[in-house]
């Protein structure tokens, strides 16, 4: 008889634990929060024991506790018959952990995708900026070359003008010298003409 009572009581405790697990998961799933994927948010075993003791006190003193609890959970929690409870609990933990890992993987992939998009966007902006700067540099080089050509042309013109001026100056000096010589000769001729004749 003792074996018969211990079996249902153990099963009842396992049923309570599994029920609280399902209830916690359902509550978190309904709230839509990210904690649905966190194993640490499952109920603490102390709370399960407290709930078990409270439920056991609801039955009449004359009714056997093991039978009453067993019948109560058979009616209240029919999902126990879907398979071994310990295996179901382990499966729940495994599935929850798997969902959490999948979610983390999706978040990492999304972050990687966003980073890649931002990197490509920045690279395109930099490429466009570099292309515009290259065009501006080409235009500036073209203008600089034109200015240099014009400067060379002006220098050549000035050099030619200097040569012309130098030649003109030399010509003027030569003419002045000749003019001075003629003036001297003319003055001498005038002096000779002005002297009286000696007989």
N, C-alpha and C. Protein backbone atom coordinates (compact mmCIF):
# COMPACT_ATOMS: atom_id res chain seq x y z
N UNK A 1 0.84 -1.22 0.00
CA UNK A 1 0.00 0.00 0.00
C UNK A 1 0.87 1.26 0.00
N UNK A 2 2.01 1.14 0.67
CA UNK A 2 2.92 2.28 0.69
C UNK A 2 3.49 2.56 -0.67
N UNK A 3 3.81 1.49 -1.42
CA UNK A 3 4.31 1.66 -2.77
C UNK A 3 3.27 2.31 -3.65
N UNK A 4 2.00 1.93 -3.42
CA UNK A 4 0.92 2.49 -4.25
C UNK A 4 0.76 3.98 -4.01
N UNK A 5 0.98 4.44 -2.72
CA UNK A 5 0.82 5.86 -2.42
C UNK A 5 2.01 6.67 -2.93
N UNK A 6 3.21 6.08 -2.82
CA UNK A 6 4.39 6.82 -3.26
C UNK A 6 4.39 7.04 -4.77
N UNK A 7 3.88 6.04 -5.51
CA UNK A 7 3.84 6.17 -6.97
C UNK A 7 2.99 7.33 -7.41
N UNK A 8 1.72 7.40 -6.99
CA UNK A 8 0.87 8.54 -7.39
C UNK A 8 1.41 9.88 -6.90
N UNK A 9 1.96 9.90 -5.65
CA UNK A 9 2.48 11.18 -5.14
C UNK A 9 3.65 11.68 -5.99
N UNK A 10 4.54 10.77 -6.34
CA UNK A 10 5.66 11.16 -7.21
C UNK A 10 5.15 11.63 -8.56
N UNK A 11 4.17 10.90 -9.08
CA UNK A 11 3.60 11.28 -10.38
C UNK A 11 2.89 12.62 -10.28
N UNK A 12 2.21 12.83 -9.14
CA UNK A 12 1.51 14.11 -8.94
C UNK A 12 2.52 15.26 -8.92
N UNK A 13 3.63 15.06 -8.21
CA UNK A 13 4.65 16.11 -8.17
C UNK A 13 5.22 16.39 -9.56
N UNK A 14 5.46 15.32 -10.30
CA UNK A 14 5.95 15.50 -11.68
C UNK A 14 4.93 16.20 -12.54
N UNK A 15 3.64 15.84 -12.34
CA UNK A 15 2.57 16.51 -13.09
C UNK A 15 2.51 17.99 -12.76
N UNK A 16 2.66 18.28 -11.44
CA UNK A 16 2.67 19.69 -11.04
C UNK A 16 3.82 20.44 -11.70
N UNK A 17 4.98 19.83 -11.68
CA UNK A 17 6.16 20.47 -12.27
C UNK A 17 5.95 20.72 -13.75
N UNK A 18 5.43 19.70 -14.46
CA UNK A 18 5.21 19.85 -15.90
C UNK A 18 4.13 20.88 -16.18
N UNK A 19 3.07 20.88 -15.36
CA UNK A 19 2.00 21.85 -15.56
C UNK A 19 2.51 23.27 -15.38
N UNK A 20 3.29 23.48 -14.30
CA UNK A 20 3.84 24.82 -14.10
C UNK A 20 4.76 25.23 -15.24
N UNK A 21 5.49 24.25 -15.76
CA UNK A 21 6.35 24.55 -16.91
C UNK A 21 5.52 25.00 -18.10
N UNK A 22 4.46 24.21 -18.41
CA UNK A 22 3.59 24.58 -19.53
C UNK A 22 2.91 25.93 -19.28
N UNK A 23 2.48 26.14 -18.03
CA UNK A 23 1.79 27.40 -17.72
C UNK A 23 2.73 28.59 -17.88
N UNK A 24 3.97 28.41 -17.39
CA UNK A 24 4.95 29.51 -17.53
C UNK A 24 5.25 29.79 -18.99
N UNK A 25 5.43 28.74 -19.76
CA UNK A 25 5.71 28.94 -21.19
C UNK A 25 4.52 29.58 -21.89
N UNK A 26 3.31 29.14 -21.56
CA UNK A 26 2.12 29.70 -22.21
C UNK A 26 1.95 31.17 -21.85
N UNK A 27 2.20 31.48 -20.56
CA UNK A 27 2.07 32.87 -20.12
C UNK A 27 3.06 33.77 -20.84
N UNK A 28 4.31 33.32 -20.93
CA UNK A 28 5.32 34.12 -21.62
C UNK A 28 5.05 34.21 -23.10
N UNK A 29 4.53 33.12 -23.69
CA UNK A 29 4.21 33.16 -25.12
C UNK A 29 3.08 34.13 -25.40
N UNK A 30 2.09 34.15 -24.49
CA UNK A 30 0.94 35.05 -24.68
C UNK A 30 1.37 36.50 -24.53
N UNK A 31 2.33 36.77 -23.64
CA UNK A 31 2.76 38.16 -23.45
C UNK A 31 3.58 38.68 -24.60
N UNK A 32 4.15 37.77 -25.42
CA UNK A 32 4.92 38.19 -26.59
C UNK A 32 6.28 38.74 -26.24
N UNK A 33 6.79 38.45 -25.03
CA UNK A 33 8.07 38.98 -24.61
C UNK A 33 9.19 38.05 -25.05
N UNK A 34 10.38 38.57 -25.05
CA UNK A 34 11.54 37.79 -25.45
C UNK A 34 11.89 36.73 -24.41
N UNK A 35 11.39 36.86 -23.18
CA UNK A 35 11.71 35.90 -22.15
C UNK A 35 11.13 34.54 -22.44
N UNK A 36 10.24 34.40 -23.46
CA UNK A 36 9.68 33.11 -23.84
C UNK A 36 10.77 32.13 -24.22
N UNK A 37 11.90 32.66 -24.66
CA UNK A 37 12.97 31.79 -25.11
C UNK A 37 14.04 31.59 -24.04
N UNK A 38 13.82 32.04 -22.81
CA UNK A 38 14.82 31.95 -21.77
C UNK A 38 14.46 30.83 -20.79
N UNK A 39 15.38 29.87 -20.61
CA UNK A 39 15.12 28.75 -19.73
C UNK A 39 15.12 29.22 -18.28
N UNK A 40 15.91 30.25 -17.96
CA UNK A 40 16.02 30.71 -16.57
C UNK A 40 14.70 31.25 -16.03
N UNK A 41 13.73 31.52 -16.88
CA UNK A 41 12.46 32.08 -16.43
C UNK A 41 11.47 31.02 -15.98
N UNK A 42 11.84 29.72 -16.01
CA UNK A 42 10.93 28.65 -15.60
C UNK A 42 10.73 28.71 -14.09
N UNK A 43 9.59 28.17 -13.54
CA UNK A 43 9.28 28.25 -12.11
C UNK A 43 10.33 27.55 -11.27
N UNK A 44 10.53 28.07 -10.06
CA UNK A 44 11.47 27.47 -9.12
C UNK A 44 10.83 26.26 -8.46
N UNK A 45 11.62 25.19 -8.17
CA UNK A 45 11.05 23.99 -7.56
C UNK A 45 10.35 24.26 -6.24
N UNK A 46 10.81 25.27 -5.45
CA UNK A 46 10.15 25.57 -4.18
C UNK A 46 8.70 25.99 -4.39
N UNK A 47 8.45 26.78 -5.45
CA UNK A 47 7.08 27.20 -5.73
C UNK A 47 6.22 26.01 -6.13
N UNK A 48 6.80 25.05 -6.83
CA UNK A 48 6.05 23.85 -7.20
C UNK A 48 5.65 23.05 -5.96
N UNK A 49 6.59 22.91 -5.00
CA UNK A 49 6.28 22.19 -3.77
C UNK A 49 5.20 22.90 -2.99
N UNK A 50 5.26 24.25 -2.94
CA UNK A 50 4.23 25.01 -2.22
C UNK A 50 2.87 24.83 -2.86
N UNK A 51 2.80 24.90 -4.18
CA UNK A 51 1.53 24.69 -4.87
C UNK A 51 0.99 23.28 -4.63
N UNK A 52 1.90 22.32 -4.63
CA UNK A 52 1.48 20.94 -4.39
C UNK A 52 0.85 20.80 -3.02
N UNK A 53 1.51 21.38 -1.98
CA UNK A 53 0.97 21.29 -0.62
C UNK A 53 -0.37 22.01 -0.50
N UNK A 54 -0.49 23.17 -1.17
CA UNK A 54 -1.77 23.89 -1.11
C UNK A 54 -2.89 23.10 -1.75
N UNK A 55 -2.60 22.45 -2.86
CA UNK A 55 -3.63 21.67 -3.54
C UNK A 55 -4.02 20.43 -2.73
N UNK A 56 -3.04 19.87 -2.01
CA UNK A 56 -3.34 18.70 -1.19
C UNK A 56 -4.26 19.05 -0.03
N UNK A 57 -4.21 20.30 0.48
CA UNK A 57 -5.03 20.71 1.61
C UNK A 57 -6.49 20.94 1.23
N UNK A 58 -6.79 21.00 -0.07
CA UNK A 58 -8.16 21.28 -0.50
C UNK A 58 -9.10 20.08 -0.34
N UNK A 59 -8.52 18.93 -0.13
CA UNK A 59 -9.37 17.72 -0.07
C UNK A 59 -9.86 17.46 1.35
N UNK A 60 -10.95 16.74 1.45
CA UNK A 60 -11.57 16.45 2.75
C UNK A 60 -10.67 15.55 3.56
N UNK A 61 -10.66 15.74 4.87
CA UNK A 61 -9.75 14.95 5.71
C UNK A 61 -10.00 13.45 5.60
N UNK A 62 -11.21 13.07 5.37
CA UNK A 62 -11.51 11.64 5.34
C UNK A 62 -11.14 10.96 4.05
N UNK A 63 -10.80 11.70 3.06
CA UNK A 63 -10.49 11.13 1.75
C UNK A 63 -8.99 10.89 1.64
N UNK A 64 -8.54 9.73 1.16
CA UNK A 64 -7.10 9.46 1.05
C UNK A 64 -6.43 10.50 0.14
N UNK A 65 -5.36 11.03 0.68
CA UNK A 65 -4.70 12.12 -0.05
C UNK A 65 -4.14 11.66 -1.38
N UNK A 66 -3.53 10.47 -1.41
CA UNK A 66 -2.92 10.02 -2.65
C UNK A 66 -3.95 9.80 -3.73
N UNK A 67 -5.08 9.14 -3.36
CA UNK A 67 -6.12 8.88 -4.36
C UNK A 67 -6.77 10.18 -4.81
N UNK A 68 -7.04 11.06 -3.82
CA UNK A 68 -7.68 12.34 -4.17
C UNK A 68 -6.80 13.15 -5.10
N UNK A 69 -5.51 13.25 -4.75
CA UNK A 69 -4.61 14.03 -5.60
C UNK A 69 -4.49 13.40 -6.97
N UNK A 70 -4.39 12.08 -7.00
CA UNK A 70 -4.26 11.38 -8.28
C UNK A 70 -5.46 11.64 -9.17
N UNK A 71 -6.71 11.50 -8.57
CA UNK A 71 -7.92 11.74 -9.36
C UNK A 71 -8.01 13.20 -9.79
N UNK A 72 -7.60 14.11 -8.91
CA UNK A 72 -7.67 15.53 -9.24
C UNK A 72 -6.79 15.87 -10.44
N UNK A 73 -5.59 15.35 -10.45
CA UNK A 73 -4.69 15.66 -11.55
C UNK A 73 -5.04 14.91 -12.81
N UNK A 74 -5.67 13.73 -12.66
CA UNK A 74 -6.14 13.05 -13.86
C UNK A 74 -7.19 13.87 -14.59
N UNK A 75 -8.05 14.55 -13.84
CA UNK A 75 -9.10 15.36 -14.44
C UNK A 75 -8.55 16.73 -14.87
N UNK A 76 -7.72 17.34 -14.01
CA UNK A 76 -7.27 18.71 -14.28
C UNK A 76 -6.21 18.78 -15.35
N UNK A 77 -5.30 17.79 -15.40
CA UNK A 77 -4.18 17.83 -16.31
C UNK A 77 -4.13 16.58 -17.16
N UNK A 78 -5.03 16.44 -18.12
CA UNK A 78 -5.06 15.22 -18.94
C UNK A 78 -3.88 15.11 -19.89
N UNK A 79 -3.07 16.16 -20.02
CA UNK A 79 -1.96 16.08 -20.97
C UNK A 79 -0.85 15.16 -20.48
N UNK A 80 -0.96 14.64 -19.22
CA UNK A 80 0.08 13.76 -18.69
C UNK A 80 0.18 12.48 -19.49
N UNK A 81 -0.91 12.06 -20.13
CA UNK A 81 -0.94 10.78 -20.82
C UNK A 81 -0.26 10.81 -22.18
N UNK A 82 0.23 11.97 -22.61
CA UNK A 82 0.83 12.05 -23.95
C UNK A 82 2.21 11.41 -23.99
N UNK A 83 2.83 11.12 -22.87
CA UNK A 83 4.14 10.50 -22.86
C UNK A 83 4.77 10.63 -21.49
N UNK A 84 5.94 10.04 -21.29
CA UNK A 84 6.62 10.15 -19.99
C UNK A 84 6.88 11.61 -19.65
N UNK A 85 6.55 11.98 -18.42
CA UNK A 85 6.63 13.39 -18.03
C UNK A 85 8.07 13.90 -18.00
N UNK A 86 8.98 13.09 -17.52
CA UNK A 86 10.37 13.53 -17.47
C UNK A 86 10.92 13.77 -18.87
N UNK A 87 10.54 12.87 -19.79
CA UNK A 87 10.99 13.05 -21.16
C UNK A 87 10.38 14.30 -21.77
N UNK A 88 9.08 14.54 -21.43
CA UNK A 88 8.44 15.76 -21.93
C UNK A 88 9.12 17.01 -21.39
N UNK A 89 9.48 16.98 -20.09
CA UNK A 89 10.16 18.14 -19.51
C UNK A 89 11.51 18.38 -20.18
N UNK A 90 12.26 17.29 -20.37
CA UNK A 90 13.54 17.42 -21.06
C UNK A 90 13.36 17.93 -22.48
N UNK A 91 12.30 17.41 -23.15
CA UNK A 91 12.04 17.86 -24.52
C UNK A 91 11.69 19.34 -24.55
N UNK A 92 10.91 19.78 -23.55
CA UNK A 92 10.54 21.20 -23.47
C UNK A 92 11.79 22.05 -23.30
N UNK A 93 12.67 21.63 -22.36
CA UNK A 93 13.90 22.38 -22.16
C UNK A 93 14.76 22.38 -23.42
N UNK A 94 14.85 21.23 -24.08
CA UNK A 94 15.65 21.15 -25.30
C UNK A 94 15.08 22.03 -26.40
N UNK A 95 13.73 21.94 -26.58
CA UNK A 95 13.10 22.76 -27.62
C UNK A 95 13.25 24.24 -27.32
N UNK A 96 13.09 24.59 -26.03
CA UNK A 96 13.22 25.99 -25.64
C UNK A 96 14.63 26.51 -25.90
N UNK A 97 15.59 25.68 -25.51
CA UNK A 97 16.99 26.07 -25.75
C UNK A 97 17.28 26.18 -27.24
N UNK A 98 16.71 25.24 -28.02
CA UNK A 98 16.91 25.28 -29.46
C UNK A 98 16.30 26.55 -30.06
N UNK A 99 15.09 26.91 -29.59
CA UNK A 99 14.45 28.13 -30.07
C UNK A 99 15.27 29.36 -29.72
N UNK A 100 15.82 29.35 -28.49
CA UNK A 100 16.65 30.48 -28.08
C UNK A 100 17.89 30.60 -28.96
N UNK A 101 18.53 29.44 -29.25
CA UNK A 101 19.71 29.46 -30.10
C UNK A 101 19.37 29.90 -31.52
N UNK A 102 18.21 29.43 -32.03
CA UNK A 102 17.79 29.84 -33.36
C UNK A 102 17.53 31.34 -33.41
N UNK A 103 16.91 31.85 -32.35
CA UNK A 103 16.63 33.29 -32.31
C UNK A 103 17.93 34.10 -32.26
N UNK A 104 18.88 33.64 -31.42
CA UNK A 104 20.17 34.32 -31.36
C UNK A 104 20.88 34.27 -32.71
N UNK A 105 20.78 33.11 -33.39
CA UNK A 105 21.39 32.99 -34.71
C UNK A 105 20.75 33.96 -35.70
N UNK A 106 19.41 34.05 -35.66
CA UNK A 106 18.72 34.97 -36.56
C UNK A 106 19.11 36.41 -36.27
N UNK A 107 19.23 36.75 -34.97
CA UNK A 107 19.63 38.11 -34.61
C UNK A 107 21.05 38.42 -35.08
N UNK A 108 21.95 37.42 -34.94
CA UNK A 108 23.33 37.62 -35.41
C UNK A 108 23.36 37.77 -36.93
N UNK A 109 22.58 36.94 -37.64
CA UNK A 109 22.54 37.05 -39.10
C UNK A 109 21.96 38.40 -39.52
N UNK A 110 20.92 38.85 -38.79
CA UNK A 110 20.33 40.14 -39.11
C UNK A 110 21.31 41.28 -38.86
N UNK A 111 22.03 41.19 -37.72
CA UNK A 111 23.03 42.22 -37.43
C UNK A 111 24.14 42.22 -38.47
N UNK A 112 24.55 41.01 -38.87
CA UNK A 112 25.59 40.90 -39.90
C UNK A 112 25.10 41.48 -41.22
N UNK A 113 23.84 41.20 -41.56
CA UNK A 113 23.29 41.73 -42.80
C UNK A 113 23.21 43.25 -42.76
N UNK A 114 22.75 43.80 -41.63
CA UNK A 114 22.68 45.25 -41.51
C UNK A 114 24.07 45.88 -41.60
N UNK A 115 25.04 45.25 -40.92
CA UNK A 115 26.41 45.79 -40.98
C UNK A 115 26.95 45.75 -42.41
N UNK A 116 26.65 44.66 -43.13
CA UNK A 116 27.13 44.55 -44.51
C UNK A 116 26.47 45.60 -45.39
N UNK A 117 25.16 45.84 -45.18
CA UNK A 117 24.45 46.85 -45.96
C UNK A 117 25.03 48.24 -45.68
N UNK A 118 25.27 48.53 -44.39
CA UNK A 118 25.85 49.82 -44.04
C UNK A 118 27.25 49.98 -44.63
N UNK A 119 28.03 48.87 -44.60
CA UNK A 119 29.37 48.92 -45.17
C UNK A 119 29.33 49.18 -46.67
N UNK A 120 28.42 48.48 -47.36
CA UNK A 120 28.29 48.69 -48.81
C UNK A 120 27.82 50.11 -49.11
N UNK A 121 26.90 50.61 -48.28
CA UNK A 121 26.41 51.97 -48.48
C UNK A 121 27.54 52.99 -48.30
N UNK A 122 28.32 52.79 -47.23
CA UNK A 122 29.46 53.69 -46.99
C UNK A 122 30.49 53.59 -48.10
N UNK A 123 30.73 52.35 -48.57
CA UNK A 123 31.69 52.16 -49.66
C UNK A 123 31.22 52.86 -50.94
N UNK A 124 29.92 52.76 -51.23
CA UNK A 124 29.38 53.43 -52.42
C UNK A 124 29.49 54.94 -52.31
N UNK A 125 29.17 55.46 -51.11
CA UNK A 125 29.29 56.90 -50.91
C UNK A 125 30.73 57.36 -51.07
N UNK A 126 31.65 56.59 -50.49
CA UNK A 126 33.07 56.95 -50.61
C UNK A 126 33.54 56.86 -52.06
N UNK A 127 33.04 55.84 -52.78
CA UNK A 127 33.42 55.70 -54.19
C UNK A 127 32.92 56.88 -55.02
N UNK A 128 31.65 57.28 -54.77
CA UNK A 128 31.11 58.44 -55.48
C UNK A 128 31.87 59.72 -55.14
N UNK A 129 32.18 59.86 -53.85
CA UNK A 129 32.94 61.04 -53.43
C UNK A 129 34.32 61.05 -54.06
N UNK A 130 34.97 59.90 -54.09
CA UNK A 130 36.30 59.80 -54.71
C UNK A 130 36.24 60.11 -56.20
N UNK A 131 35.17 59.63 -56.86
CA UNK A 131 35.02 59.90 -58.29
C UNK A 131 34.84 61.39 -58.55
N UNK A 132 34.01 62.05 -57.72
CA UNK A 132 33.82 63.49 -57.88
C UNK A 132 35.12 64.25 -57.62
N UNK A 133 35.86 63.86 -56.60
CA UNK A 133 37.13 64.51 -56.31
C UNK A 133 38.13 64.29 -57.45
N UNK A 134 38.12 63.08 -58.02
CA UNK A 134 39.02 62.80 -59.15
C UNK A 134 38.68 63.69 -60.34
N UNK A 135 37.39 63.87 -60.62
CA UNK A 135 36.97 64.75 -61.71
C UNK A 135 37.39 66.19 -61.45
N UNK A 136 37.21 66.63 -60.19
CA UNK A 136 37.64 67.99 -59.85
C UNK A 136 39.14 68.15 -60.00
N UNK A 137 39.89 67.13 -59.59
CA UNK A 137 41.34 67.20 -59.73
C UNK A 137 41.76 67.26 -61.20
N UNK A 138 41.08 66.48 -62.04
CA UNK A 138 41.39 66.52 -63.47
C UNK A 138 41.11 67.89 -64.06
N UNK A 139 40.00 68.49 -63.63
CA UNK A 139 39.66 69.83 -64.12
C UNK A 139 40.69 70.85 -63.65
N UNK A 140 41.10 70.72 -62.39
CA UNK A 140 42.13 71.64 -61.87
C UNK A 140 43.46 71.46 -62.60
N UNK A 141 43.84 70.21 -62.87
CA UNK A 141 45.07 69.97 -63.61
C UNK A 141 45.00 70.57 -65.01
N UNK A 142 43.83 70.46 -65.63
CA UNK A 142 43.65 71.03 -66.96
C UNK A 142 43.81 72.54 -66.92
N UNK A 143 43.20 73.18 -65.92
CA UNK A 143 43.32 74.63 -65.80
C UNK A 143 44.76 75.05 -65.50
N UNK A 144 45.42 74.27 -64.63
CA UNK A 144 46.82 74.59 -64.31
C UNK A 144 47.69 74.49 -65.56
N UNK A 145 47.45 73.47 -66.36
CA UNK A 145 48.22 73.31 -67.59
C UNK A 145 47.98 74.48 -68.54
N UNK A 146 46.72 74.90 -68.66
CA UNK A 146 46.40 76.04 -69.52
C UNK A 146 47.09 77.30 -69.01
N UNK A 147 47.07 77.49 -67.69
CA UNK A 147 47.74 78.67 -67.13
C UNK A 147 49.25 78.62 -67.37
N UNK A 148 49.82 77.42 -67.22
CA UNK A 148 51.25 77.30 -67.49
C UNK A 148 51.59 77.59 -68.95
N UNK A 149 50.77 77.09 -69.86
CA UNK A 149 50.99 77.37 -71.28
C UNK A 149 50.87 78.86 -71.57
N UNK A 150 49.86 79.49 -70.97
CA UNK A 150 49.69 80.93 -71.17
C UNK A 150 50.86 81.71 -70.57
N UNK A 151 51.32 81.26 -69.41
CA UNK A 151 52.46 81.92 -68.79
C UNK A 151 53.71 81.79 -69.66
N UNK A 152 53.92 80.60 -70.21
CA UNK A 152 55.07 80.40 -71.10
C UNK A 152 54.97 81.29 -72.33
N UNK A 153 53.77 81.39 -72.87
CA UNK A 153 53.56 82.25 -74.05
C UNK A 153 53.84 83.70 -73.72
N UNK A 154 53.37 84.14 -72.56
CA UNK A 154 53.61 85.53 -72.16
C UNK A 154 55.10 85.78 -71.94
N UNK A 155 55.78 84.79 -71.32
CA UNK A 155 57.22 84.94 -71.11
C UNK A 155 57.96 85.06 -72.44
N UNK A 156 57.57 84.24 -73.39
CA UNK A 156 58.21 84.31 -74.71
C UNK A 156 57.96 85.66 -75.37
N UNK A 157 56.73 86.14 -75.25
CA UNK A 157 56.39 87.45 -75.82
C UNK A 157 57.21 88.56 -75.17
N UNK A 158 57.32 88.48 -73.84
CA UNK A 158 58.10 89.48 -73.12
C UNK A 158 59.58 89.41 -73.52
N UNK A 159 60.07 88.19 -73.68
CA UNK A 159 61.47 88.05 -74.09
C UNK A 159 61.71 88.65 -75.47
N UNK A 160 60.79 88.39 -76.36
CA UNK A 160 60.90 88.99 -77.70
C UNK A 160 60.84 90.50 -77.63
N UNK A 161 59.95 91.00 -76.79
CA UNK A 161 59.83 92.44 -76.65
C UNK A 161 61.10 93.05 -76.06
N UNK A 162 61.69 92.33 -75.11
CA UNK A 162 62.95 92.81 -74.54
C UNK A 162 64.05 92.86 -75.59
N UNK A 163 64.09 91.85 -76.43
CA UNK A 163 65.09 91.82 -77.50
C UNK A 163 64.87 92.99 -78.46
N UNK A 164 63.61 93.22 -78.78
CA UNK A 164 63.29 94.35 -79.67
C UNK A 164 63.68 95.67 -79.03
N UNK A 165 63.36 95.81 -77.76
CA UNK A 165 63.71 97.04 -77.05
C UNK A 165 65.22 97.24 -76.99
N UNK A 166 65.92 96.13 -76.77
CA UNK A 166 67.37 96.22 -76.71
C UNK A 166 67.94 96.65 -78.07
N UNK A 167 67.40 96.07 -79.11
CA UNK A 167 67.85 96.43 -80.46
C UNK A 167 67.55 97.89 -80.76
N UNK A 168 66.35 98.31 -80.39
CA UNK A 168 65.97 99.72 -80.59
C UNK A 168 66.89 100.65 -79.81
N UNK A 169 67.20 100.25 -78.58
CA UNK A 169 68.09 101.07 -77.77
C UNK A 169 69.47 101.19 -78.40
N UNK A 170 69.96 100.06 -78.91
CA UNK A 170 71.26 100.10 -79.57
C UNK A 170 71.22 100.97 -80.83
N UNK A 171 70.13 100.86 -81.56
CA UNK A 171 69.99 101.70 -82.76
C UNK A 171 69.94 103.18 -82.40
N UNK A 172 69.21 103.47 -81.35
CA UNK A 172 69.10 104.87 -80.91
C UNK A 172 70.47 105.39 -80.50
N UNK A 173 71.20 104.57 -79.74
CA UNK A 173 72.53 105.00 -79.31
C UNK A 173 73.45 105.22 -80.53
N UNK A 174 73.35 104.30 -81.48
CA UNK A 174 74.17 104.46 -82.70
C UNK A 174 73.81 105.74 -83.45
N UNK A 175 72.52 105.99 -83.57
CA UNK A 175 72.06 107.20 -84.25
C UNK A 175 72.49 108.45 -83.50
N UNK A 176 72.40 108.39 -82.18
CA UNK A 176 72.82 109.54 -81.39
C UNK A 176 74.32 109.80 -81.57
N UNK A 177 75.06 108.72 -81.60
CA UNK A 177 76.50 108.88 -81.78
C UNK A 177 76.82 109.50 -83.15
N UNK A 178 76.15 109.00 -84.17
CA UNK A 178 76.34 109.56 -85.52
C UNK A 178 75.89 111.01 -85.57
N UNK A 179 74.79 111.28 -84.90
CA UNK A 179 74.29 112.65 -84.89
C UNK A 179 75.28 113.58 -84.20
N UNK A 180 75.83 113.11 -83.11
CA UNK A 180 76.82 113.92 -82.40
C UNK A 180 78.04 114.16 -83.29
N UNK A 181 78.46 113.12 -83.99
CA UNK A 181 79.61 113.29 -84.88
C UNK A 181 79.31 114.32 -85.97
N UNK A 182 78.12 114.23 -86.53
CA UNK A 182 77.73 115.19 -87.57
C UNK A 182 77.67 116.59 -87.01
N UNK A 183 77.14 116.72 -85.81
CA UNK A 183 77.05 118.04 -85.19
C UNK A 183 78.45 118.61 -84.96
N UNK A 184 79.37 117.73 -84.53
CA UNK A 184 80.74 118.20 -84.32
C UNK A 184 81.37 118.67 -85.64
N UNK A 185 81.18 117.85 -86.64
CA UNK A 185 81.72 118.22 -87.95
C UNK A 185 81.08 119.51 -88.47
N UNK A 186 79.80 119.64 -88.27
CA UNK A 186 79.10 120.85 -88.72
C UNK A 186 79.61 122.08 -87.94
N UNK A 187 79.85 121.90 -86.68
CA UNK A 187 80.35 123.01 -85.87
C UNK A 187 81.75 123.41 -86.33
N UNK A 188 82.55 122.43 -86.62
CA UNK A 188 83.90 122.72 -87.11
C UNK A 188 83.85 123.44 -88.46
N UNK A 189 82.93 122.98 -89.29
CA UNK A 189 82.79 123.63 -90.60
C UNK A 189 82.34 125.08 -90.44
N UNK A 190 81.47 125.32 -89.53
CA UNK A 190 80.99 126.68 -89.29
C UNK A 190 82.13 127.56 -88.75
N UNK A 191 82.95 127.01 -87.92
CA UNK A 191 84.07 127.77 -87.37
C UNK A 191 85.06 128.14 -88.50
N UNK A 192 85.28 127.16 -89.35
CA UNK A 192 86.20 127.43 -90.47
C UNK A 192 85.65 128.52 -91.36
N UNK A 193 84.40 128.51 -91.56
CA UNK A 193 83.75 129.50 -92.41
C UNK A 193 83.77 130.89 -91.76
N UNK A 194 83.74 130.91 -90.49
CA UNK A 194 83.67 132.19 -89.80
C UNK A 194 85.04 132.86 -89.68
N UNK A 195 86.10 132.18 -89.81
CA UNK A 195 87.42 132.77 -89.68
C UNK A 195 87.70 133.68 -90.90
N UNK A 196 88.37 134.91 -90.71
CA UNK A 196 88.68 135.82 -91.84
C UNK A 196 89.80 135.25 -92.70
N UNK A 197 89.71 135.64 -93.89
CA UNK A 197 90.73 135.18 -94.84
C UNK A 197 92.04 135.97 -94.61
N UNK A 198 93.13 135.33 -94.60
CA UNK A 198 94.44 135.97 -94.40
C UNK A 198 95.12 136.01 -95.76
N UNK A 199 95.47 137.30 -96.13
CA UNK A 199 96.15 137.50 -97.44
C UNK A 199 97.59 137.71 -97.19
